[in-house]
Amino acid sequence: MGLMKVFSGSEILALALKEKIEAVGVDTVIKDNIQSARLAGFGSSGSAVELFIQETDFSKANPVIEEFRLNI
């Protein structure tokens, strides 16, 4: 299976969700588009940070993700 994107938005919100997902035992991957663009020497637009999980972990992480989305 592969990675699936579960969140895209600000770094602060992505890190908060990352903590909550990892608290239930699901590993996450963060892709920081702004940092990547800055290192390459150009700017970035759109969603700054994307959060990914393994597709096989979705059923375990989904309740946490939905609760997070309802509270932001």
N, C-alpha and C. Protein backbone atom coordinates (compact mmCIF):
# COMPACT_ATOMS: atom_id res chain seq x y z
N MET A 1 0.85 -1.19 0.00
CA MET A 1 0.00 0.00 0.00
C MET A 1 0.88 1.24 0.00
N GLY A 2 0.26 2.38 -0.24
CA GLY A 2 1.00 3.62 -0.32
C GLY A 2 0.56 4.62 0.71
N LEU A 3 1.10 5.81 0.54
CA LEU A 3 0.76 6.91 1.44
C LEU A 3 -0.50 7.61 0.94
N MET A 4 -1.29 8.12 1.87
CA MET A 4 -2.44 8.92 1.51
C MET A 4 -2.40 10.23 2.30
N LYS A 5 -2.75 11.32 1.61
CA LYS A 5 -2.75 12.63 2.25
C LYS A 5 -4.00 12.78 3.09
N VAL A 6 -3.80 13.15 4.37
CA VAL A 6 -4.95 13.32 5.26
C VAL A 6 -5.14 14.77 5.68
N PHE A 7 -4.16 15.63 5.39
CA PHE A 7 -4.27 17.03 5.78
C PHE A 7 -3.33 17.86 4.93
N SER A 8 -3.76 19.07 4.58
CA SER A 8 -2.87 20.07 4.00
C SER A 8 -3.30 21.42 4.55
N GLY A 9 -2.33 22.20 4.98
CA GLY A 9 -2.63 23.49 5.57
C GLY A 9 -1.40 24.07 6.24
N SER A 10 -1.62 24.80 7.31
CA SER A 10 -0.52 25.46 8.00
C SER A 10 0.34 24.47 8.77
N GLU A 11 1.58 24.85 9.00
CA GLU A 11 2.51 23.98 9.72
C GLU A 11 2.04 23.72 11.15
N ILE A 12 1.50 24.73 11.79
CA ILE A 12 1.05 24.60 13.18
C ILE A 12 -0.07 23.56 13.29
N LEU A 13 -1.05 23.64 12.41
CA LEU A 13 -2.16 22.67 12.44
C LEU A 13 -1.68 21.27 12.06
N ALA A 14 -0.78 21.20 11.08
CA ALA A 14 -0.26 19.89 10.67
C ALA A 14 0.49 19.21 11.81
N LEU A 15 1.29 19.97 12.54
CA LEU A 15 2.04 19.39 13.66
C LEU A 15 1.10 18.96 14.79
N ALA A 16 0.04 19.73 15.02
CA ALA A 16 -0.94 19.36 16.04
C ALA A 16 -1.63 18.05 15.68
N LEU A 17 -2.04 17.93 14.42
CA LEU A 17 -2.69 16.69 13.98
C LEU A 17 -1.71 15.52 14.00
N LYS A 18 -0.48 15.77 13.62
CA LYS A 18 0.56 14.73 13.63
C LYS A 18 0.69 14.14 15.03
N GLU A 19 0.73 14.99 16.04
CA GLU A 19 0.83 14.51 17.43
C GLU A 19 -0.36 13.63 17.80
N LYS A 20 -1.55 14.06 17.43
CA LYS A 20 -2.77 13.31 17.78
C LYS A 20 -2.80 11.96 17.07
N ILE A 21 -2.40 11.93 15.81
CA ILE A 21 -2.40 10.67 15.07
C ILE A 21 -1.35 9.71 15.63
N GLU A 22 -0.16 10.24 15.91
CA GLU A 22 0.90 9.39 16.44
C GLU A 22 0.57 8.88 17.85
N ALA A 23 -0.28 9.59 18.58
CA ALA A 23 -0.68 9.15 19.92
C ALA A 23 -1.51 7.87 19.88
N VAL A 24 -2.16 7.59 18.74
CA VAL A 24 -2.93 6.35 18.62
C VAL A 24 -2.13 5.26 17.91
N GLY A 25 -0.84 5.51 17.71
CA GLY A 25 0.05 4.48 17.18
C GLY A 25 0.19 4.43 15.67
N VAL A 26 -0.12 5.52 14.98
CA VAL A 26 -0.01 5.57 13.52
C VAL A 26 1.15 6.49 13.14
N ASP A 27 2.06 5.97 12.31
CA ASP A 27 3.18 6.78 11.84
C ASP A 27 2.72 7.77 10.78
N THR A 28 3.36 8.94 10.75
CA THR A 28 3.00 9.99 9.80
C THR A 28 4.24 10.45 9.04
N VAL A 29 3.98 11.08 7.90
CA VAL A 29 5.03 11.71 7.09
C VAL A 29 4.57 13.12 6.79
N ILE A 30 5.47 14.10 7.00
CA ILE A 30 5.14 15.50 6.72
C ILE A 30 5.96 15.96 5.52
N LYS A 31 5.28 16.63 4.58
CA LYS A 31 5.94 17.25 3.44
C LYS A 31 5.75 18.75 3.58
N ASP A 32 6.85 19.46 3.77
CA ASP A 32 6.82 20.91 3.97
C ASP A 32 7.18 21.60 2.66
N ASN A 33 6.17 22.04 1.91
CA ASN A 33 6.40 22.64 0.60
C ASN A 33 7.10 24.00 0.69
N ILE A 34 6.83 24.77 1.71
CA ILE A 34 7.48 26.08 1.84
C ILE A 34 8.97 25.91 2.10
N GLN A 35 9.31 25.02 3.01
CA GLN A 35 10.73 24.78 3.32
C GLN A 35 11.45 24.23 2.09
N SER A 36 10.83 23.33 1.37
CA SER A 36 11.44 22.77 0.17
C SER A 36 11.66 23.85 -0.88
N ALA A 37 10.67 24.71 -1.08
CA ALA A 37 10.80 25.78 -2.06
C ALA A 37 11.87 26.78 -1.65
N ARG A 38 11.94 27.09 -0.38
CA ARG A 38 12.94 28.04 0.10
C ARG A 38 14.34 27.50 -0.14
N LEU A 39 14.55 26.22 0.15
CA LEU A 39 15.86 25.62 -0.06
C LEU A 39 16.24 25.57 -1.53
N ALA A 40 15.24 25.47 -2.42
CA ALA A 40 15.51 25.44 -3.85
C ALA A 40 15.70 26.84 -4.42
N GLY A 41 15.35 27.86 -3.65
CA GLY A 41 15.59 29.24 -4.08
C GLY A 41 14.40 29.94 -4.70
N PHE A 42 13.20 29.42 -4.50
CA PHE A 42 12.01 30.10 -5.01
C PHE A 42 10.87 29.96 -4.02
N GLY A 43 9.83 30.76 -4.22
CA GLY A 43 8.71 30.77 -3.27
C GLY A 43 7.71 29.68 -3.56
N SER A 44 6.74 29.58 -2.68
CA SER A 44 5.70 28.56 -2.82
C SER A 44 4.35 29.19 -2.54
N SER A 45 3.34 28.69 -3.24
CA SER A 45 1.98 29.15 -2.96
C SER A 45 1.11 27.93 -2.67
N GLY A 46 -0.07 28.16 -2.17
CA GLY A 46 -0.96 27.05 -1.85
C GLY A 46 -0.74 26.54 -0.44
N SER A 47 -1.16 25.32 -0.22
CA SER A 47 -1.02 24.73 1.11
C SER A 47 0.44 24.50 1.44
N ALA A 48 0.81 24.92 2.62
CA ALA A 48 2.22 24.90 3.01
C ALA A 48 2.71 23.52 3.40
N VAL A 49 1.93 22.78 4.18
CA VAL A 49 2.39 21.52 4.74
C VAL A 49 1.33 20.45 4.47
N GLU A 50 1.81 19.26 4.08
CA GLU A 50 0.91 18.13 3.85
C GLU A 50 1.28 17.01 4.81
N LEU A 51 0.27 16.33 5.32
CA LEU A 51 0.46 15.23 6.26
C LEU A 51 -0.06 13.94 5.62
N PHE A 52 0.77 12.91 5.65
CA PHE A 52 0.44 11.63 5.03
C PHE A 52 0.49 10.51 6.06
N ILE A 53 -0.33 9.47 5.82
CA ILE A 53 -0.27 8.23 6.61
C ILE A 53 -0.32 7.07 5.62
N GLN A 54 -0.01 5.87 6.09
CA GLN A 54 -0.15 4.67 5.26
C GLN A 54 -1.65 4.39 5.07
N GLU A 55 -2.02 3.99 3.86
CA GLU A 55 -3.42 3.67 3.58
C GLU A 55 -3.97 2.60 4.52
N THR A 56 -3.12 1.68 4.91
CA THR A 56 -3.56 0.59 5.78
C THR A 56 -3.90 1.06 7.19
N ASP A 57 -3.42 2.24 7.58
CA ASP A 57 -3.67 2.80 8.91
C ASP A 57 -4.87 3.75 8.94
N PHE A 58 -5.53 3.95 7.80
CA PHE A 58 -6.59 4.94 7.73
C PHE A 58 -7.73 4.67 8.71
N SER A 59 -8.16 3.42 8.82
CA SER A 59 -9.29 3.13 9.70
C SER A 59 -8.96 3.45 11.16
N LYS A 60 -7.71 3.31 11.54
CA LYS A 60 -7.28 3.62 12.90
C LYS A 60 -7.17 5.13 13.13
N ALA A 61 -6.72 5.86 12.11
CA ALA A 61 -6.48 7.30 12.25
C ALA A 61 -7.71 8.15 11.93
N ASN A 62 -8.66 7.61 11.18
CA ASN A 62 -9.80 8.41 10.73
C ASN A 62 -10.59 9.06 11.86
N PRO A 63 -10.92 8.38 12.96
CA PRO A 63 -11.65 9.06 14.04
C PRO A 63 -10.89 10.29 14.59
N VAL A 64 -9.58 10.16 14.69
CA VAL A 64 -8.76 11.27 15.19
C VAL A 64 -8.79 12.44 14.19
N ILE A 65 -8.68 12.12 12.91
CA ILE A 65 -8.68 13.14 11.86
C ILE A 65 -10.02 13.87 11.83
N GLU A 66 -11.11 13.12 11.88
CA GLU A 66 -12.44 13.75 11.85
C GLU A 66 -12.68 14.64 13.07
N GLU A 67 -12.28 14.18 14.24
CA GLU A 67 -12.44 15.01 15.45
C GLU A 67 -11.62 16.29 15.33
N PHE A 68 -10.41 16.16 14.81
CA PHE A 68 -9.54 17.33 14.62
C PHE A 68 -10.18 18.33 13.67
N ARG A 69 -10.70 17.85 12.56
CA ARG A 69 -11.32 18.74 11.55
C ARG A 69 -12.55 19.44 12.11
N LEU A 70 -13.31 18.77 12.97
CA LEU A 70 -14.49 19.40 13.56
C LEU A 70 -14.12 20.48 14.57
N ASN A 71 -12.93 20.38 15.14
CA ASN A 71 -12.53 21.33 16.18
C ASN A 71 -11.67 22.48 15.68
N ILE A 72 -11.35 22.52 14.38
CA ILE A 72 -10.56 23.66 13.91
C ILE A 72 -11.42 24.69 13.23
